[in-house]
Amino acid sequence: MKKVLFLALAAASFSFTACESKKEEAVEQSADNVEAAGEAKAEGMEASADSVRESADASADKMEAGADKMAPATETPAEEVKK
């Protein structure tokens, strides 16, 4: 929410800024900072998502390995039951 508000304020700053070069440069720098912060946050979220995926895959692999080690269910053929 803060990011959206900050982006809105940055956009509003662009519309009210006069064409003076120092003010323009300051606003452009603010925009660059907002973009960099957004990219950093997105990269952090992607890394977190990758970590969650890897953890889930490892848990699933461990569960499957445990299932493979279980004794097979015994099945009695129908012919033997009739006897």
N, C-alpha and C. Protein backbone atom coordinates (compact mmCIF):
# COMPACT_ATOMS: atom_id res chain seq x y z
N MET A 1 0.82 -1.18 0.00
CA MET A 1 0.00 0.00 0.00
C MET A 1 0.88 1.25 0.00
N LYS A 2 1.94 1.23 0.79
CA LYS A 2 2.84 2.37 0.83
C LYS A 2 3.47 2.60 -0.53
N LYS A 3 3.78 1.50 -1.20
CA LYS A 3 4.43 1.61 -2.51
C LYS A 3 3.50 2.30 -3.50
N VAL A 4 2.23 1.91 -3.49
CA VAL A 4 1.26 2.51 -4.40
C VAL A 4 1.10 3.98 -4.10
N LEU A 5 1.00 4.34 -2.82
CA LEU A 5 0.88 5.74 -2.43
C LEU A 5 2.10 6.53 -2.86
N PHE A 6 3.26 5.95 -2.66
CA PHE A 6 4.50 6.64 -3.04
C PHE A 6 4.57 6.84 -4.55
N LEU A 7 4.15 5.82 -5.30
CA LEU A 7 4.13 5.96 -6.76
C LEU A 7 3.15 7.03 -7.20
N ALA A 8 1.99 7.10 -6.54
CA ALA A 8 1.01 8.13 -6.86
C ALA A 8 1.56 9.52 -6.56
N LEU A 9 2.25 9.65 -5.43
CA LEU A 9 2.86 10.94 -5.10
C LEU A 9 3.95 11.31 -6.10
N ALA A 10 4.72 10.32 -6.52
CA ALA A 10 5.76 10.59 -7.51
C ALA A 10 5.13 11.03 -8.83
N ALA A 11 4.05 10.38 -9.23
CA ALA A 11 3.36 10.76 -10.46
C ALA A 11 2.79 12.17 -10.35
N ALA A 12 2.22 12.49 -9.19
CA ALA A 12 1.69 13.84 -8.99
C ALA A 12 2.81 14.86 -9.02
N SER A 13 3.95 14.50 -8.49
CA SER A 13 5.10 15.41 -8.52
C SER A 13 5.51 15.73 -9.95
N PHE A 14 5.43 14.74 -10.82
CA PHE A 14 5.77 14.98 -12.22
C PHE A 14 4.84 16.02 -12.84
N SER A 15 3.57 15.95 -12.52
CA SER A 15 2.62 16.85 -13.16
C SER A 15 2.73 18.28 -12.64
N PHE A 16 3.17 18.46 -11.40
CA PHE A 16 3.27 19.80 -10.82
C PHE A 16 4.66 20.41 -10.96
N THR A 17 5.59 19.66 -11.43
CA THR A 17 6.96 20.13 -11.52
C THR A 17 7.12 21.08 -12.70
N ALA A 18 7.74 22.17 -12.44
CA ALA A 18 8.05 23.10 -13.53
C ALA A 18 9.21 22.54 -14.33
N CYS A 19 9.53 23.16 -15.39
CA CYS A 19 10.58 22.64 -16.28
C CYS A 19 11.97 23.04 -15.82
N GLU A 20 12.12 23.42 -14.58
CA GLU A 20 13.43 23.77 -14.08
C GLU A 20 14.26 22.50 -13.96
N SER A 21 15.47 22.54 -14.40
CA SER A 21 16.28 21.33 -14.48
C SER A 21 16.57 20.71 -13.12
N LYS A 22 16.83 21.49 -12.08
CA LYS A 22 17.13 20.90 -10.78
C LYS A 22 15.92 20.19 -10.21
N LYS A 23 14.74 20.78 -10.34
CA LYS A 23 13.53 20.12 -9.86
C LYS A 23 13.25 18.88 -10.68
N GLU A 24 13.44 18.98 -11.96
CA GLU A 24 13.19 17.84 -12.85
C GLU A 24 14.12 16.69 -12.51
N GLU A 25 15.38 17.01 -12.29
CA GLU A 25 16.35 15.97 -11.93
C GLU A 25 16.00 15.32 -10.60
N ALA A 26 15.53 16.10 -9.65
CA ALA A 26 15.16 15.56 -8.33
C ALA A 26 13.98 14.60 -8.46
N VAL A 27 13.01 14.98 -9.26
CA VAL A 27 11.84 14.12 -9.46
C VAL A 27 12.24 12.85 -10.20
N GLU A 28 13.07 13.00 -11.20
CA GLU A 28 13.54 11.82 -11.93
C GLU A 28 14.32 10.89 -11.01
N GLN A 29 15.11 11.46 -10.12
CA GLN A 29 15.86 10.65 -9.16
C GLN A 29 14.90 9.93 -8.23
N SER A 30 13.84 10.63 -7.80
CA SER A 30 12.83 9.99 -6.94
C SER A 30 12.17 8.83 -7.67
N ALA A 31 11.85 9.04 -8.93
CA ALA A 31 11.23 7.98 -9.72
C ALA A 31 12.17 6.79 -9.86
N ASP A 32 13.44 7.07 -10.09
CA ASP A 32 14.42 5.99 -10.18
C ASP A 32 14.53 5.23 -8.86
N ASN A 33 14.47 5.95 -7.75
CA ASN A 33 14.54 5.31 -6.43
C ASN A 33 13.32 4.42 -6.20
N VAL A 34 12.15 4.91 -6.60
CA VAL A 34 10.93 4.12 -6.45
C VAL A 34 11.03 2.85 -7.28
N GLU A 35 11.50 3.00 -8.50
CA GLU A 35 11.64 1.83 -9.38
C GLU A 35 12.64 0.83 -8.81
N ALA A 36 13.76 1.32 -8.31
CA ALA A 36 14.77 0.43 -7.73
C ALA A 36 14.23 -0.29 -6.50
N ALA A 37 13.49 0.43 -5.67
CA ALA A 37 12.91 -0.19 -4.47
C ALA A 37 11.91 -1.27 -4.87
N GLY A 38 11.11 -1.00 -5.89
CA GLY A 38 10.14 -1.99 -6.36
C GLY A 38 10.83 -3.22 -6.91
N GLU A 39 11.88 -3.02 -7.67
CA GLU A 39 12.64 -4.15 -8.22
C GLU A 39 13.27 -4.99 -7.11
N ALA A 40 13.82 -4.32 -6.10
CA ALA A 40 14.44 -5.04 -4.99
C ALA A 40 13.40 -5.86 -4.24
N LYS A 41 12.22 -5.27 -4.02
CA LYS A 41 11.16 -5.99 -3.32
C LYS A 41 10.70 -7.18 -4.15
N ALA A 42 10.55 -7.00 -5.46
CA ALA A 42 10.13 -8.09 -6.34
C ALA A 42 11.15 -9.22 -6.34
N GLU A 43 12.42 -8.88 -6.38
CA GLU A 43 13.47 -9.91 -6.35
C GLU A 43 13.43 -10.68 -5.03
N GLY A 44 13.20 -9.97 -3.93
CA GLY A 44 13.09 -10.64 -2.64
C GLY A 44 11.91 -11.58 -2.59
N MET A 45 10.79 -11.16 -3.16
CA MET A 45 9.60 -12.01 -3.19
C MET A 45 9.83 -13.22 -4.08
N GLU A 46 10.52 -13.03 -5.19
CA GLU A 46 10.83 -14.16 -6.08
C GLU A 46 11.73 -15.17 -5.37
N ALA A 47 12.72 -14.67 -4.65
CA ALA A 47 13.62 -15.56 -3.91
C ALA A 47 12.84 -16.34 -2.84
N SER A 48 11.92 -15.65 -2.18
CA SER A 48 11.11 -16.32 -1.17
C SER A 48 10.23 -17.39 -1.80
N ALA A 49 9.63 -17.07 -2.95
CA ALA A 49 8.79 -18.05 -3.65
C ALA A 49 9.61 -19.26 -4.07
N ASP A 50 10.82 -19.02 -4.56
CA ASP A 50 11.69 -20.13 -4.96
C ASP A 50 12.01 -21.01 -3.75
N SER A 51 12.25 -20.40 -2.62
CA SER A 51 12.56 -21.14 -1.40
C SER A 51 11.37 -22.01 -0.98
N VAL A 52 10.17 -21.45 -1.08
CA VAL A 52 8.97 -22.21 -0.71
C VAL A 52 8.79 -23.39 -1.66
N ARG A 53 9.00 -23.17 -2.97
CA ARG A 53 8.87 -24.25 -3.95
C ARG A 53 9.88 -25.36 -3.65
N GLU A 54 11.12 -24.99 -3.38
CA GLU A 54 12.16 -25.97 -3.11
C GLU A 54 11.84 -26.77 -1.84
N SER A 55 11.33 -26.10 -0.83
CA SER A 55 10.97 -26.77 0.42
C SER A 55 9.82 -27.75 0.19
N ALA A 56 8.83 -27.32 -0.57
CA ALA A 56 7.69 -28.20 -0.87
C ALA A 56 8.14 -29.41 -1.68
N ASP A 57 9.01 -29.19 -2.67
CA ASP A 57 9.52 -30.30 -3.47
C ASP A 57 10.30 -31.29 -2.60
N ALA A 58 11.12 -30.76 -1.70
CA ALA A 58 11.91 -31.64 -0.82
C ALA A 58 10.99 -32.45 0.09
N SER A 59 9.94 -31.80 0.62
CA SER A 59 9.00 -32.53 1.48
C SER A 59 8.27 -33.61 0.70
N ALA A 60 7.85 -33.29 -0.51
CA ALA A 60 7.15 -34.27 -1.35
C ALA A 60 8.06 -35.44 -1.69
N ASP A 61 9.31 -35.14 -2.02
CA ASP A 61 10.27 -36.21 -2.32
C ASP A 61 10.48 -37.12 -1.11
N LYS A 62 10.58 -36.52 0.07
CA LYS A 62 10.77 -37.30 1.29
C LYS A 62 9.55 -38.19 1.55
N MET A 63 8.35 -37.65 1.34
CA MET A 63 7.14 -38.44 1.55
C MET A 63 7.06 -39.58 0.54
N GLU A 64 7.41 -39.32 -0.71
CA GLU A 64 7.39 -40.36 -1.74
C GLU A 64 8.41 -41.45 -1.43
N ALA A 65 9.58 -41.06 -0.95
CA ALA A 65 10.60 -42.04 -0.60
C ALA A 65 10.11 -42.92 0.55
N GLY A 66 9.44 -42.32 1.53
CA GLY A 66 8.87 -43.08 2.63
C GLY A 66 7.80 -44.04 2.16
N ALA A 67 6.99 -43.60 1.21
CA ALA A 67 5.94 -44.46 0.67
C ALA A 67 6.55 -45.64 -0.08
N ASP A 68 7.64 -45.39 -0.78
CA ASP A 68 8.31 -46.47 -1.53
C ASP A 68 8.88 -47.53 -0.58
N LYS A 69 9.24 -47.15 0.63
CA LYS A 69 9.82 -48.08 1.60
C LYS A 69 8.77 -48.91 2.33
N MET A 70 7.52 -48.51 2.22
CA MET A 70 6.45 -49.25 2.91
C MET A 70 6.30 -50.63 2.31
N ALA A 71 5.89 -51.58 3.17
CA ALA A 71 5.66 -52.94 2.69
C ALA A 71 4.45 -52.92 1.75
N PRO A 72 4.54 -53.67 0.68
CA PRO A 72 3.41 -53.68 -0.25
C PRO A 72 2.19 -54.31 0.41
N ALA A 73 1.04 -53.87 -0.01
CA ALA A 73 -0.20 -54.45 0.52
C ALA A 73 -0.30 -55.89 0.03
N THR A 74 -0.69 -56.77 0.92
CA THR A 74 -0.83 -58.18 0.50
C THR A 74 -2.18 -58.37 -0.15
N GLU A 75 -2.15 -58.99 -1.26
CA GLU A 75 -3.38 -59.26 -1.99
C GLU A 75 -3.51 -60.77 -2.15
N THR A 76 -4.65 -61.27 -1.85
CA THR A 76 -4.91 -62.69 -2.02
C THR A 76 -5.67 -62.86 -3.32
N PRO A 77 -5.12 -63.64 -4.23
CA PRO A 77 -5.83 -63.84 -5.49
C PRO A 77 -7.20 -64.46 -5.24
N ALA A 78 -8.13 -64.13 -6.08
CA ALA A 78 -9.51 -64.60 -5.93
C ALA A 78 -9.60 -66.12 -5.95
N GLU A 79 -8.74 -66.79 -6.68
CA GLU A 79 -8.76 -68.25 -6.76
C GLU A 79 -8.44 -68.88 -5.41
N GLU A 80 -7.52 -68.27 -4.65
CA GLU A 80 -7.16 -68.82 -3.36
C GLU A 80 -8.27 -68.60 -2.34
N VAL A 81 -9.03 -67.56 -2.47
CA VAL A 81 -10.12 -67.28 -1.54
C VAL A 81 -11.22 -68.32 -1.72
N LYS A 82 -11.45 -68.76 -2.95
CA LYS A 82 -12.49 -69.74 -3.23
C LYS A 82 -12.21 -71.08 -2.60
N LYS A 83 -10.93 -71.46 -2.37
CA LYS A 83 -10.55 -72.77 -1.84
C LYS A 83 -10.85 -72.88 -0.43
